[in-house]
Structures are given as structure tokens and as C-alpha cells.
Amino acid sequence: MLVFLYGSDAYRLKQAGDDIVNRYKTKYPSGMNLFAVNLSESDGMDVLESAIKSSSFFNEHKLIVCKNSFGKKTASELLAGYIKDFGIAGTSDITLISAETLAGKELETKNKELFKLLSGGKNMVKEFEPMQGEKLFEWTRKEFEVRGCSVEPNAVRNLVAMVGNDSWAVVNEIDKLASYKGHPCTNKDDPCSEVTSADIRELVHAKIDMNIFDLIDALGAKNRQRAVELLYRELKTGRDPYYILTMITYQFRNILTVKDLQKRSFSEAEIARKAKLNPFVVKKTVRSPFNMPESLKIYNSLLDIDSGFKAGQINLEDSLFRIIA
């Protein structure tokens, strides 16, 4: 049997692979027939050949986990040969897993024959690409749940908006927030409080998004055509509209904070420390052409859009284009 896991969402891909391995270990606790093979290492193919040809201890099912199957041309060609020669796709006593953190097109370019062998027939095949929208929100909520953690719906959206759809980054922040809140709860008489939007603002540092900086720079320069082009490009590439809204709102909140501290004669280093902002963000924000009244007006408009969207009263994409144009 062949199992092919691939895609650029490395964390969920690892989750899927670990789940298969853990279920195997539960069924076959001896571990004598579980093999981990890294085909990028010099002895990778020797280890794989030995794993395939060796006799199974205790007549247990054999599980072989291969990494970097497409890394080296020679190794990928030999792996394709082994799959065909030993009939692994159709055998019932061996399961071979190939896990690759690359998109399908990239893997097919590296070795078309191996990609076809792994992704064809009755093989178990699953692609893991970065999630967007409600799928991402639901997955994030469940990751909190797995850690025994309750979370406000808006907090989930705010976390995703600040971190993006990098699953590793999201999980790292969830672990930090769960730990802060004392999860998993050990005292049933004193249950842990839920994670709130205020916790997100306090503990999570937003990922610096250069495209959002460029968009706001275009607005500041009164270059609405450029701003509209940048927004259209972000949406066309699959960027979640709520992420864009939250990042723009976050940056205008930064502008208001930084301009206020700047007005009170604080240095950039002091502003970064007081506002808990990345020094690069402070440097960019200090040079923003927006003044306080303009920033406050736009910020309040963004908050209105956010409220209208959550109430189901507006189309978010249309509202983003309107506020820019």
C-alpha cells in the first residue's frame, strides 16, 4: 500500500503522518517493523532496500516512512523502481508513506514518473495546501479545543488575521495562549478562563506584511489606482478579505499610537518599547504621510466595516474597495 502526503502546509502534513504512525504503534507496540528513511542521506537507499527486503518480525505489518523522496534524482528514480519491482502499491503486508512539503506541480517537475506512481491508482493521497477563510477559522478553533482551551469566536478571527495562514505559526501562538490561560485545566472547581480578543492583542505580535505596508503607502501618497491594484492582487491570490481588513486596521492603530508618542517627543526606540512594536514597523510608521485626524477617520471607518461584516450586513470585499477608492 502507498500513502502519499504532500503540500506546502507543513504542520498539517506532519499531523497526518504522525497520526498514521501513532495508530500503527498502538496496533503494533513492538516497533520492530517501523522504519524511518531519509532519502537525502547517503545511506538512505540502502536503508530503504533493507526495510523492504527484510523479513517481518512477529508477522506484523511493515510501515516504512520516507522523507525527501524527490530530493535527489538518483534516489527518486530508485524509489520508483522499488515501488514497481516489489509491487508495493498492491501489497497488503507493507505500507510505504512518502511525505513531501512541496506543491504537486513542483514534485511533478522533479520526477514525473514517481509523482504519477505515488498519486495514482488506489493509493491513499492527500494534498495539504494553506487554508483560507472559514476552513482556517474552524481548524484554529479545533486546535484550541485539542489543548482543552475555550476561545471567543472573534479571538479566533483576530489570531488568524494577525498571524496569517502559516499553520506552524498559528499553532505556536495557540500553545503560548493556552499556556498563559493555564490549559489544560487541572482543577474542575476552578475552570480556566477562555482566550479572548484582548489576550490576542496583548500576547500575539502581528506578522509584518510588506504588501499591507505598500497598500497603506499608496493610500498615503493619494495613489488610489496603485492601492486598488494592490488590493485586487491580494484578493486574487487567495488572501482572506478579513485578514486584509484586520491588518489594515492594525496598521492604522499603529499609526495612531506611534504618531501620538512621536508628538510627545519619544524616540523611535522608546516608541517601539512602549508600543511593543517591531522597530521596523515603527520606522515605517513614523514616516507615514497620514496625520492624526486622517488616521482616526480611516480607523473608525475600518471598525465600522468590521462590525458590519460580523453582523452580516455588508460585503467585505466591496467595502474594502470602497474605502480605498
Protein backbone atom coordinates (compact mmCIF):
# COMPACT_ATOMS: atom_id res chain seq x y z
CA MET A 1 0.00 0.00 0.00
CA LEU A 2 1.21 3.51 -0.83
CA VAL A 3 0.37 6.65 1.14
CA PHE A 4 1.30 9.98 -0.45
CA LEU A 5 1.11 13.15 1.65
CA TYR A 6 2.27 16.39 0.08
CA GLY A 7 1.77 20.15 0.04
CA SER A 8 3.22 23.35 1.46
CA ASP A 9 1.19 23.28 4.69
CA ALA A 10 3.95 21.53 6.61
CA TYR A 11 2.29 21.39 10.03
CA ARG A 12 -0.93 19.68 8.89
CA LEU A 13 1.09 17.34 6.71
CA LYS A 14 3.16 16.36 9.77
CA GLN A 15 -0.06 15.92 11.75
CA ALA A 16 -1.40 13.48 9.17
CA GLY A 17 1.84 11.49 9.04
CA ASP A 18 2.12 11.37 12.85
CA ASP A 19 -1.48 10.18 13.09
CA ILE A 20 -0.77 7.19 10.83
CA VAL A 21 2.42 6.33 12.71
CA ASN A 22 0.74 6.63 16.13
CA ARG A 23 -2.14 4.39 15.08
CA TYR A 24 0.41 1.87 13.80
CA LYS A 25 2.32 1.99 17.12
CA THR A 26 -0.91 1.38 19.02
CA LYS A 27 -1.64 -1.70 16.96
CA TYR A 28 1.97 -2.95 16.82
CA PRO A 29 3.69 -1.73 20.02
CA SER A 30 6.88 -3.73 19.40
CA GLY A 31 8.06 -1.13 16.86
CA MET A 32 10.24 -3.78 15.21
CA ASN A 33 8.68 -3.27 11.77
CA LEU A 34 8.54 0.53 11.71
CA PHE A 35 11.21 2.16 9.53
CA ALA A 36 12.04 5.85 9.05
CA VAL A 37 14.02 6.57 5.89
CA ASN A 38 15.55 9.88 4.79
CA LEU A 39 16.36 9.51 1.11
CA SER A 40 18.51 12.66 1.10
CA GLU A 41 21.07 10.94 3.33
CA SER A 42 23.94 8.96 1.84
CA ASP A 43 22.68 5.62 3.17
CA GLY A 44 19.01 6.37 2.51
CA MET A 45 18.52 3.95 -0.35
CA ASP A 46 20.38 1.16 1.47
CA VAL A 47 18.10 1.62 4.48
CA LEU A 48 15.03 1.58 2.23
CA GLU A 49 16.12 -1.56 0.38
CA SER A 50 16.85 -3.31 3.67
CA ALA A 51 13.46 -2.28 5.06
CA ILE A 52 11.61 -3.60 2.02
CA LYS A 53 13.51 -6.88 1.76
CA SER A 54 13.82 -7.74 5.46
CA SER A 55 11.61 -10.38 6.99
CA SER A 56 8.82 -9.05 9.18
CA PHE A 57 9.23 -9.73 12.91
CA PHE A 58 6.25 -11.48 14.54
CA ASN A 59 4.47 -11.46 11.14
CA GLU A 60 3.46 -7.84 11.73
CA HIS A 61 2.52 -5.36 9.05
CA LYS A 62 5.52 -3.30 7.94
CA LEU A 63 5.40 0.52 7.88
CA ILE A 64 8.08 2.48 6.01
CA VAL A 65 8.07 6.28 6.28
CA CYS A 66 10.08 8.02 3.53
CA LYS A 67 11.15 11.65 3.56
CA ASN A 68 12.81 13.66 0.77
CA SER A 69 11.69 11.16 -1.86
CA PHE A 70 12.11 13.82 -4.57
CA GLY A 71 15.26 15.46 -3.20
CA LYS A 72 17.85 13.63 -5.29
CA LYS A 73 17.33 12.47 -8.85
CA THR A 74 19.06 9.11 -8.31
CA ALA A 75 17.12 8.38 -5.12
CA SER A 76 13.74 9.26 -6.64
CA GLU A 77 14.45 7.07 -9.66
CA LEU A 78 15.46 4.13 -7.45
CA LEU A 79 12.38 4.60 -5.27
CA ALA A 80 10.16 4.48 -8.35
CA GLY A 81 11.94 1.28 -9.37
CA TYR A 82 11.43 -0.33 -5.96
CA ILE A 83 7.72 0.56 -5.95
CA LYS A 84 7.26 -1.17 -9.31
CA ASP A 85 9.63 -4.12 -8.77
CA PHE A 86 8.23 -5.07 -5.34
CA GLY A 87 4.62 -4.23 -6.23
CA ILE A 88 4.29 -2.08 -3.11
CA ALA A 89 1.12 -0.34 -4.33
CA GLY A 90 -0.73 -3.66 -4.35
CA THR A 91 0.85 -5.47 -1.42
CA SER A 92 -1.07 -5.98 1.81
CA ASP A 93 1.86 -6.51 4.19
CA ILE A 94 3.79 -3.27 3.58
CA THR A 95 2.68 0.36 3.80
CA LEU A 96 5.08 2.93 2.40
CA ILE A 97 4.44 6.59 3.24
CA SER A 98 6.03 9.37 1.19
CA ALA A 99 5.64 12.80 2.83
CA GLU A 100 6.79 15.89 0.90
CA THR A 101 6.40 19.57 1.85
CA LEU A 102 6.15 20.81 -1.73
CA ALA A 103 3.24 21.54 -4.06
CA GLY A 104 2.20 18.94 -6.61
CA LYS A 105 3.49 20.90 -9.62
CA GLU A 106 6.94 21.19 -8.06
CA LEU A 107 7.08 17.48 -7.28
CA GLU A 108 5.89 16.53 -10.76
CA THR A 109 8.60 18.72 -12.25
CA LYS A 110 11.25 16.97 -10.14
CA ASN A 111 10.19 13.44 -11.14
CA LYS A 112 7.04 12.95 -13.17
CA GLU A 113 7.17 9.13 -13.07
CA LEU A 114 7.49 8.95 -9.27
CA PHE A 115 4.74 11.53 -8.77
CA LYS A 116 2.43 9.53 -11.05
CA LEU A 117 3.20 6.29 -9.20
CA LEU A 118 2.55 7.81 -5.78
CA SER A 119 -0.56 9.79 -6.68
CA GLY A 120 -2.27 7.23 -8.93
CA GLY A 121 -4.31 4.07 -8.62
CA LYS A 122 -5.96 3.23 -5.31
CA ASN A 123 -3.22 4.86 -3.23
CA MET A 124 -4.12 6.97 -0.23
CA VAL A 125 -3.30 10.50 -1.45
CA LYS A 126 -3.81 13.78 0.39
CA GLU A 127 -2.66 17.28 -0.52
CA PHE A 128 -2.11 19.89 2.20
CA GLU A 129 -2.21 23.45 0.95
CA PRO A 130 -2.57 26.53 3.21
CA MET A 131 -6.16 27.04 4.34
CA GLN A 132 -8.27 30.17 3.92
CA GLY A 133 -11.47 31.62 5.36
CA GLU A 134 -13.88 29.54 7.40
CA LYS A 135 -11.86 26.35 6.95
CA LEU A 136 -8.87 28.04 8.59
CA PHE A 137 -11.00 29.51 11.39
CA GLU A 138 -12.57 26.12 12.17
CA TRP A 139 -9.19 24.34 12.17
CA THR A 140 -7.77 27.00 14.52
CA ARG A 141 -10.73 26.64 16.88
CA LYS A 142 -10.24 22.87 16.99
CA GLU A 143 -6.54 23.29 17.78
CA PHE A 144 -7.55 25.35 20.83
CA GLU A 145 -10.07 22.62 21.71
CA VAL A 146 -7.43 19.88 21.49
CA ARG A 147 -5.47 21.76 24.16
CA GLY A 148 -8.51 21.92 26.43
CA CYS A 149 -8.91 25.58 25.64
CA SER A 150 -12.09 27.59 25.05
CA VAL A 151 -11.81 30.63 22.80
CA GLU A 152 -14.03 33.51 21.71
CA PRO A 153 -15.06 33.31 18.03
CA ASN A 154 -13.74 36.81 17.40
CA ALA A 155 -10.46 35.86 19.07
CA VAL A 156 -10.00 33.08 16.50
CA ARG A 157 -10.51 35.57 13.66
CA ASN A 158 -8.17 38.10 15.26
CA LEU A 159 -5.46 35.49 15.77
CA VAL A 160 -5.63 34.35 12.14
CA ALA A 161 -5.70 37.95 10.93
CA MET A 162 -2.55 38.78 12.87
CA VAL A 163 -0.58 35.61 12.14
CA GLY A 164 -1.86 34.63 8.70
CA ASN A 165 -2.41 31.08 7.44
CA ASP A 166 1.00 29.66 8.33
CA SER A 167 -0.20 26.69 10.39
CA TRP A 168 3.10 26.31 12.28
CA ALA A 169 2.93 29.97 13.34
CA VAL A 170 -0.74 29.68 14.34
CA VAL A 171 -0.09 26.59 16.46
CA ASN A 172 2.90 28.22 18.18
CA GLU A 173 0.67 31.14 19.18
CA ILE A 174 -2.10 28.77 20.33
CA ASP A 175 0.37 26.92 22.56
CA LYS A 176 1.52 30.23 24.05
CA LEU A 177 -2.05 31.42 24.66
CA ALA A 178 -3.15 28.09 26.13
CA SER A 179 -0.19 28.09 28.49
CA TYR A 180 -0.95 31.67 29.53
CA LYS A 181 -4.52 30.72 30.36
CA GLY A 182 -3.48 27.64 32.33
CA HIS A 183 -4.72 25.00 29.92
CA PRO A 184 -5.23 22.15 30.13
CA CYS A 185 -7.31 22.80 33.22
CA THR A 186 -6.44 20.59 36.20
CA ASN A 187 -8.95 21.95 38.71
CA LYS A 188 -12.56 21.26 37.77
CA ASP A 189 -13.80 23.52 40.58
CA ASP A 190 -11.78 26.43 39.17
CA PRO A 191 -12.00 26.13 35.36
CA CYS A 192 -9.65 28.10 33.15
CA SER A 193 -10.95 31.27 31.55
CA GLU A 194 -11.35 31.39 27.78
CA VAL A 195 -8.94 33.06 25.39
CA THR A 196 -10.26 36.47 24.37
CA SER A 197 -9.52 39.07 21.71
CA ALA A 198 -7.82 41.12 24.45
CA ASP A 199 -5.42 38.21 25.06
CA ILE A 200 -4.62 38.11 21.35
CA ARG A 201 -3.83 41.82 21.29
CA GLU A 202 -1.70 41.52 24.41
CA LEU A 203 0.31 38.40 23.57
CA VAL A 204 0.41 38.00 19.79
CA HIS A 205 2.64 40.11 17.62
CA ALA A 206 1.26 40.58 14.13
CA LYS A 207 3.32 39.27 11.25
CA ILE A 208 4.90 42.07 9.26
CA ASP A 209 3.17 42.08 5.88
CA MET A 210 5.04 44.15 3.32
CA ASN A 211 2.07 44.11 0.94
CA ILE A 212 -0.09 45.84 3.55
CA PHE A 213 2.65 48.43 4.07
CA ASP A 214 2.72 49.02 0.30
CA LEU A 215 -1.07 49.34 0.20
CA ILE A 216 -1.10 51.92 3.00
CA ASP A 217 1.84 53.78 1.44
CA ALA A 218 -0.15 54.04 -1.80
CA LEU A 219 -3.13 55.42 0.12
CA GLY A 220 -0.90 57.94 1.89
CA ALA A 221 0.53 59.08 -1.43
CA LYS A 222 -3.06 59.53 -2.70
CA ASN A 223 -2.26 56.97 -5.41
CA ARG A 224 -5.65 55.26 -5.36
CA GLN A 225 -5.05 53.40 -8.62
CA ARG A 226 -1.97 51.74 -7.12
CA ALA A 227 -3.87 50.97 -3.90
CA VAL A 228 -6.74 49.35 -5.80
CA GLU A 229 -4.26 47.29 -7.86
CA LEU A 230 -2.54 46.05 -4.69
CA LEU A 231 -5.85 45.14 -3.05
CA TYR A 232 -7.03 43.33 -6.19
CA ARG A 233 -3.74 41.40 -6.34
CA GLU A 234 -4.06 40.31 -2.70
CA LEU A 235 -7.61 39.06 -3.20
CA LYS A 236 -6.82 37.37 -6.50
CA THR A 237 -4.02 35.33 -4.90
CA GLY A 238 -6.49 33.95 -2.36
CA ARG A 239 -5.77 36.24 0.59
CA ASP A 240 -8.68 36.16 3.04
CA PRO A 241 -10.54 39.53 2.96
CA TYR A 242 -10.93 39.57 6.73
CA TYR A 243 -7.16 39.14 7.09
CA ILE A 244 -6.64 42.18 4.84
CA LEU A 245 -9.17 44.23 6.81
CA THR A 246 -7.63 43.32 10.15
CA MET A 247 -4.07 44.01 9.00
CA ILE A 248 -5.04 47.44 7.61
CA THR A 249 -6.91 48.19 10.86
CA TYR A 250 -3.92 47.00 12.89
CA GLN A 251 -1.58 49.26 10.93
CA PHE A 252 -3.78 52.33 11.33
CA ARG A 253 -3.98 51.63 15.04
CA ASN A 254 -0.17 51.56 14.98
CA ILE A 255 -0.13 54.89 13.12
CA LEU A 256 -2.33 56.49 15.78
CA THR A 257 -0.19 55.07 18.60
CA VAL A 258 3.15 55.97 17.02
CA LYS A 259 2.07 59.48 15.96
CA ASP A 260 0.82 60.17 19.48
CA LEU A 261 4.10 59.04 21.06
CA GLN A 262 6.10 60.88 18.41
CA LYS A 263 4.15 64.06 19.19
CA ARG A 264 5.27 63.66 22.81
CA SER A 265 8.92 63.62 21.67
CA PHE A 266 9.69 59.94 22.28
CA SER A 267 12.50 58.43 20.17
CA GLU A 268 11.85 55.56 17.75
CA ALA A 269 13.50 53.11 20.17
CA GLU A 270 11.30 54.36 23.03
CA ILE A 271 8.20 54.16 20.84
CA ALA A 272 9.00 50.55 19.89
CA ARG A 273 9.43 49.63 23.55
CA LYS A 274 6.34 51.43 24.84
CA ALA A 275 4.07 50.32 21.98
CA LYS A 276 5.54 46.77 21.89
CA LEU A 277 6.13 47.09 18.16
CA ASN A 278 8.86 45.78 15.89
CA PRO A 279 11.43 48.60 15.35
CA PHE A 280 10.99 48.17 11.59
CA VAL A 281 7.24 48.77 11.94
CA VAL A 282 7.93 51.89 13.99
CA LYS A 283 10.41 53.21 11.44
CA LYS A 284 7.92 52.72 8.59
CA THR A 285 5.04 54.18 10.61
CA VAL A 286 6.94 57.28 11.73
CA ARG A 287 7.35 58.17 8.07
CA SER A 288 3.68 57.66 7.25
CA PRO A 289 2.18 60.71 5.50
CA PHE A 290 -1.10 60.30 7.41
CA ASN A 291 -1.78 62.84 10.14
CA MET A 292 -3.76 62.09 13.31
CA PRO A 293 -7.21 63.32 12.12
CA GLU A 294 -6.93 61.41 8.81
CA SER A 295 -5.77 58.24 10.57
CA LEU A 296 -8.54 58.43 13.15
CA LYS A 297 -11.20 58.92 10.47
CA ILE A 298 -9.98 55.92 8.46
CA TYR A 299 -9.56 53.81 11.60
CA ASN A 300 -13.16 54.45 12.67
CA SER A 301 -14.37 53.60 9.15
CA LEU A 302 -12.46 50.31 9.31
CA LEU A 303 -14.05 49.49 12.67
CA ASP A 304 -17.49 50.17 11.15
CA ILE A 305 -16.71 47.76 8.30
CA ASP A 306 -15.58 45.13 10.80
CA SER A 307 -18.79 45.48 12.82
CA GLY A 308 -20.97 45.42 9.69
CA PHE A 309 -19.25 42.31 8.39
CA LYS A 310 -19.62 40.43 11.68
CA ALA A 311 -23.30 41.36 11.73
CA GLY A 312 -23.70 40.00 8.19
CA GLN A 313 -24.78 43.38 6.84
CA ILE A 314 -22.04 44.12 4.29
CA ASN A 315 -19.96 42.53 1.57
CA LEU A 316 -16.40 42.72 2.86
CA GLU A 317 -14.59 42.85 -0.49
CA ASP A 318 -16.86 45.63 -1.80
CA SER A 319 -16.34 47.62 1.42
CA LEU A 320 -12.56 47.32 1.17
CA PHE A 321 -12.57 48.65 -2.38
CA ARG A 322 -14.91 51.49 -1.41
CA ILE A 323 -12.77 52.70 1.47
CA ILE A 324 -9.68 52.66 -0.75
CA ALA A 325 -11.27 54.18 -3.84
